[in-house]
Amino acid sequence: MATKVPDLPGSSDSPAPKPVTRGPVDLKGLSLEDLLDLRARIEPLLPATSLQDIDLQRELVLQVSVLQQLQTSTHGDDTIAANQMAQVSNSLSSALANLVRVQNNVYTSERLKKIEAILIETLTELPQAAQAEFLEKYSKALKP
């Protein structure tokens, strides 16, 4: 059974947010569901960030966690329509596919960085004419 997640300052129906006057909240005893719920309630209150500040891998993993939690909480619940449970399953499958794709892209990118570093190191040992010829061909190949 889920524990009561503490109300956030200003999250009640009061017209103005109340300042935080109590000490820190112990989050260690909260379930994953409660922590995800709390995170979802806190995030909208935080300032917007740029795309470069977003850790896409982390966000995908969190999205998978949220969807897994949703799937777990709806499994076997007779009050939830079958098509809604199927939508949760499809969303989870899609998130997992995206996570695999991102992991493959990161792996490929890191591998290419290593290959390029070895290539540059090897190029410095070649004669100038060979270096110039390679760089010219390489530049042409990279143009869109």
C-alpha atoms as a PDB file:
ATOM      1  CA  MET A   1       0.000   0.000   0.000  1.00  0.00           C
ATOM      2  CA  ALA A   2       1.293   3.441  -0.900  1.00  0.00           C
ATOM      3  CA  THR A   3       2.219   5.856   1.844  1.00  0.00           C
ATOM      4  CA  LYS A   4       0.946   9.417   1.936  1.00  0.00           C
ATOM      5  CA  VAL A   5       3.269  11.670  -0.025  1.00  0.00           C
ATOM      6  CA  PRO A   6       3.764  14.984   1.775  1.00  0.00           C
ATOM      7  CA  ASP A   7       2.062  17.972   0.190  1.00  0.00           C
ATOM      8  CA  LEU A   8       4.340  20.316  -1.640  1.00  0.00           C
ATOM      9  CA  PRO A   9       4.447  23.931  -0.535  1.00  0.00           C
ATOM     10  CA  GLY A  10       1.832  25.824  -2.500  1.00  0.00           C
ATOM     11  CA  SER A  11       0.222  22.652  -3.859  1.00  0.00           C
ATOM     12  CA  SER A  12      -2.962  23.043  -1.843  1.00  0.00           C
ATOM     13  CA  ASP A  13      -5.920  25.066  -3.031  1.00  0.00           C
ATOM     14  CA  SER A  14      -4.721  28.113  -1.119  1.00  0.00           C
ATOM     15  CA  PRO A  15      -4.264  31.271  -3.206  1.00  0.00           C
ATOM     16  CA  ALA A  16      -0.601  31.804  -2.321  1.00  0.00           C
ATOM     17  CA  PRO A  17       2.174  29.298  -1.716  1.00  0.00           C
ATOM     18  CA  LYS A  18       3.244  28.860   1.866  1.00  0.00           C
ATOM     19  CA  PRO A  19       6.944  29.073   2.690  1.00  0.00           C
ATOM     20  CA  VAL A  20       8.595  25.863   3.843  1.00  0.00           C
ATOM     21  CA  THR A  21       9.058  26.015   7.589  1.00  0.00           C
ATOM     22  CA  ARG A  22       9.588  22.374   8.476  1.00  0.00           C
ATOM     23  CA  GLY A  23      12.803  20.360   8.328  1.00  0.00           C
ATOM     24  CA  PRO A  24      13.795  18.006   5.536  1.00  0.00           C
ATOM     25  CA  VAL A  25      11.400  15.225   4.538  1.00  0.00           C
ATOM     26  CA  ASP A  26      12.729  11.663   4.875  1.00  0.00           C
ATOM     27  CA  LEU A  27      12.219  10.153   1.420  1.00  0.00           C
ATOM     28  CA  LYS A  28      13.960   6.838   2.112  1.00  0.00           C
ATOM     29  CA  GLY A  29      10.771   5.185   3.336  1.00  0.00           C
ATOM     30  CA  LEU A  30       8.719   6.083   0.252  1.00  0.00           C
ATOM     31  CA  SER A  31       7.871   3.497  -2.385  1.00  0.00           C
ATOM     32  CA  LEU A  32       8.968   3.855  -6.012  1.00  0.00           C
ATOM     33  CA  GLU A  33       5.397   4.845  -6.904  1.00  0.00           C
ATOM     34  CA  ASP A  34       5.410   7.605  -4.287  1.00  0.00           C
ATOM     35  CA  LEU A  35       8.849   8.858  -5.336  1.00  0.00           C
ATOM     36  CA  LEU A  36       7.793   8.990  -9.004  1.00  0.00           C
ATOM     37  CA  ASP A  37       4.588  10.786  -8.012  1.00  0.00           C
ATOM     38  CA  LEU A  38       6.525  13.300  -5.933  1.00  0.00           C
ATOM     39  CA  ARG A  39       9.013  13.842  -8.773  1.00  0.00           C
ATOM     40  CA  ALA A  40       6.163  14.452 -11.228  1.00  0.00           C
ATOM     41  CA  ARG A  41       4.700  17.061  -8.860  1.00  0.00           C
ATOM     42  CA  ILE A  42       8.059  18.793  -8.289  1.00  0.00           C
ATOM     43  CA  GLU A  43       9.275  18.980 -11.900  1.00  0.00           C
ATOM     44  CA  PRO A  44       6.659  21.491 -13.122  1.00  0.00           C
ATOM     45  CA  LEU A  45       7.741  23.837 -10.339  1.00  0.00           C
ATOM     46  CA  LEU A  46      11.373  23.830 -11.462  1.00  0.00           C
ATOM     47  CA  PRO A  47      12.673  26.298 -14.051  1.00  0.00           C
ATOM     48  CA  ALA A  48      12.782  25.190 -17.674  1.00  0.00           C
ATOM     49  CA  THR A  49      16.043  23.789 -18.972  1.00  0.00           C
ATOM     50  CA  SER A  50      17.574  23.718 -22.418  1.00  0.00           C
ATOM     51  CA  LEU A  51      17.767  20.556 -24.482  1.00  0.00           C
ATOM     52  CA  GLN A  52      21.509  20.239 -23.841  1.00  0.00           C
ATOM     53  CA  ASP A  53      20.778  20.091 -20.096  1.00  0.00           C
ATOM     54  CA  ILE A  54      18.440  17.123 -20.480  1.00  0.00           C
ATOM     55  CA  ASP A  55      19.962  13.683 -20.001  1.00  0.00           C
ATOM     56  CA  LEU A  56      17.914  11.810 -22.587  1.00  0.00           C
ATOM     57  CA  GLN A  57      19.106   8.400 -21.443  1.00  0.00           C
ATOM     58  CA  ARG A  58      18.116   9.177 -17.856  1.00  0.00           C
ATOM     59  CA  GLU A  59      14.743  10.534 -18.949  1.00  0.00           C
ATOM     60  CA  LEU A  60      14.043   7.430 -21.015  1.00  0.00           C
ATOM     61  CA  VAL A  61      14.966   5.174 -18.104  1.00  0.00           C
ATOM     62  CA  LEU A  62      12.672   7.191 -15.811  1.00  0.00           C
ATOM     63  CA  GLN A  63       9.886   7.006 -18.385  1.00  0.00           C
ATOM     64  CA  VAL A  64      10.280   3.231 -18.510  1.00  0.00           C
ATOM     65  CA  SER A  65      10.153   3.113 -14.686  1.00  0.00           C
ATOM     66  CA  VAL A  66       6.964   5.185 -14.602  1.00  0.00           C
ATOM     67  CA  LEU A  67       5.337   3.010 -17.257  1.00  0.00           C
ATOM     68  CA  GLN A  68       6.405  -0.189 -15.484  1.00  0.00           C
ATOM     69  CA  GLN A  69       4.930   1.137 -12.258  1.00  0.00           C
ATOM     70  CA  LEU A  70       1.710   2.060 -14.070  1.00  0.00           C
ATOM     71  CA  GLN A  71       1.557  -1.372 -15.653  1.00  0.00           C
ATOM     72  CA  THR A  72       2.100  -3.045 -12.285  1.00  0.00           C
ATOM     73  CA  SER A  73      -0.569  -0.943 -10.588  1.00  0.00           C
ATOM     74  CA  THR A  74      -3.150  -1.609 -13.337  1.00  0.00           C
ATOM     75  CA  HIS A  75      -2.434  -5.328 -13.776  1.00  0.00           C
ATOM     76  CA  GLY A  76      -5.331  -7.362 -12.508  1.00  0.00           C
ATOM     77  CA  ASP A  77      -7.474  -4.289 -11.771  1.00  0.00           C
ATOM     78  CA  ASP A  78     -10.962  -5.133 -13.048  1.00  0.00           C
ATOM     79  CA  THR A  79     -11.998  -1.468 -12.980  1.00  0.00           C
ATOM     80  CA  ILE A  80      -9.554  -0.598 -15.773  1.00  0.00           C
ATOM     81  CA  ALA A  81     -10.628  -1.314 -19.338  1.00  0.00           C
ATOM     82  CA  ALA A  82      -8.573  -3.826 -21.318  1.00  0.00           C
ATOM     83  CA  ASN A  83      -7.806  -1.291 -24.048  1.00  0.00           C
ATOM     84  CA  GLN A  84      -6.315   1.068 -21.451  1.00  0.00           C
ATOM     85  CA  MET A  85      -4.089  -1.715 -20.116  1.00  0.00           C
ATOM     86  CA  ALA A  86      -3.067  -2.454 -23.707  1.00  0.00           C
ATOM     87  CA  GLN A  87      -2.191   1.225 -24.186  1.00  0.00           C
ATOM     88  CA  VAL A  88       0.077   1.078 -21.123  1.00  0.00           C
ATOM     89  CA  SER A  89       1.756  -2.052 -22.504  1.00  0.00           C
ATOM     90  CA  ASN A  90       2.207  -0.440 -25.921  1.00  0.00           C
ATOM     91  CA  SER A  91       3.637   2.713 -24.348  1.00  0.00           C
ATOM     92  CA  LEU A  92       6.072   0.619 -22.316  1.00  0.00           C
ATOM     93  CA  SER A  93       7.136  -1.327 -25.409  1.00  0.00           C
ATOM     94  CA  SER A  94       7.676   1.915 -27.302  1.00  0.00           C
ATOM     95  CA  ALA A  95       9.717   3.421 -24.459  1.00  0.00           C
ATOM     96  CA  LEU A  96      11.872   0.289 -24.274  1.00  0.00           C
ATOM     97  CA  ALA A  97      12.428   0.380 -28.052  1.00  0.00           C
ATOM     98  CA  ASN A  98      13.487   4.039 -27.778  1.00  0.00           C
ATOM     99  CA  LEU A  99      15.854   3.171 -24.942  1.00  0.00           C
ATOM    100  CA  VAL A 100      17.478   0.422 -27.016  1.00  0.00           C
ATOM    101  CA  ARG A 101      17.805   2.806 -29.974  1.00  0.00           C
ATOM    102  CA  VAL A 102      19.445   5.491 -27.817  1.00  0.00           C
ATOM    103  CA  GLN A 103      21.828   2.957 -26.299  1.00  0.00           C
ATOM    104  CA  ASN A 104      22.818   1.765 -29.784  1.00  0.00           C
ATOM    105  CA  ASN A 105      23.354   5.351 -30.944  1.00  0.00           C
ATOM    106  CA  VAL A 106      25.552   6.110 -27.933  1.00  0.00           C
ATOM    107  CA  TYR A 107      27.558   2.922 -28.479  1.00  0.00           C
ATOM    108  CA  THR A 108      28.049   3.747 -32.160  1.00  0.00           C
ATOM    109  CA  SER A 109      29.005   7.340 -31.380  1.00  0.00           C
ATOM    110  CA  GLU A 110      31.560   6.322 -28.738  1.00  0.00           C
ATOM    111  CA  ARG A 111      33.014   3.706 -31.074  1.00  0.00           C
ATOM    112  CA  LEU A 112      33.356   6.242 -33.892  1.00  0.00           C
ATOM    113  CA  LYS A 113      35.126   8.680 -31.546  1.00  0.00           C
ATOM    114  CA  LYS A 114      37.691   5.988 -30.725  1.00  0.00           C
ATOM    115  CA  ILE A 115      38.174   5.104 -34.398  1.00  0.00           C
ATOM    116  CA  GLU A 116      38.612   8.770 -35.287  1.00  0.00           C
ATOM    117  CA  ALA A 117      41.203   9.259 -32.513  1.00  0.00           C
ATOM    118  CA  ILE A 118      43.220   6.269 -33.773  1.00  0.00           C
ATOM    119  CA  LEU A 119      42.903   7.523 -37.334  1.00  0.00           C
ATOM    120  CA  ILE A 120      44.208  10.981 -36.415  1.00  0.00           C
ATOM    121  CA  GLU A 121      47.092   9.460 -34.492  1.00  0.00           C
ATOM    122  CA  THR A 122      47.990   7.255 -37.467  1.00  0.00           C
ATOM    123  CA  LEU A 123      47.638  10.137 -39.942  1.00  0.00           C
ATOM    124  CA  THR A 124      50.276  12.173 -38.128  1.00  0.00           C
ATOM    125  CA  GLU A 125      52.791   9.429 -38.954  1.00  0.00           C
ATOM    126  CA  LEU A 126      52.093   9.586 -42.729  1.00  0.00           C
ATOM    127  CA  PRO A 127      53.799  11.911 -45.218  1.00  0.00           C
ATOM    128  CA  GLN A 128      52.210  15.377 -45.671  1.00  0.00           C
ATOM    129  CA  ALA A 129      50.921  14.532 -49.170  1.00  0.00           C
ATOM    130  CA  ALA A 130      49.061  11.473 -47.885  1.00  0.00           C
ATOM    131  CA  GLN A 131      47.613  13.483 -44.973  1.00  0.00           C
ATOM    132  CA  ALA A 132      46.361  16.223 -47.304  1.00  0.00           C
ATOM    133  CA  GLU A 133      44.829  13.714 -49.721  1.00  0.00           C
ATOM    134  CA  PHE A 134      43.042  11.878 -46.931  1.00  0.00           C
ATOM    135  CA  LEU A 135      41.697  15.064 -45.324  1.00  0.00           C
ATOM    136  CA  GLU A 136      40.392  16.288 -48.682  1.00  0.00           C
ATOM    137  CA  LYS A 137      38.549  13.003 -49.319  1.00  0.00           C
ATOM    138  CA  TYR A 138      37.312  12.897 -45.720  1.00  0.00           C
ATOM    139  CA  SER A 139      35.932  16.462 -45.944  1.00  0.00           C
ATOM    140  CA  LYS A 140      34.092  15.658 -49.188  1.00  0.00           C
ATOM    141  CA  ALA A 141      32.628  12.482 -47.721  1.00  0.00           C
ATOM    142  CA  LEU A 142      31.259  14.348 -44.672  1.00  0.00           C
ATOM    143  CA  LYS A 143      29.486  17.043 -46.687  1.00  0.00           C
ATOM    144  CA  PRO A 144      25.706  16.545 -46.898  1.00  0.00           C
END
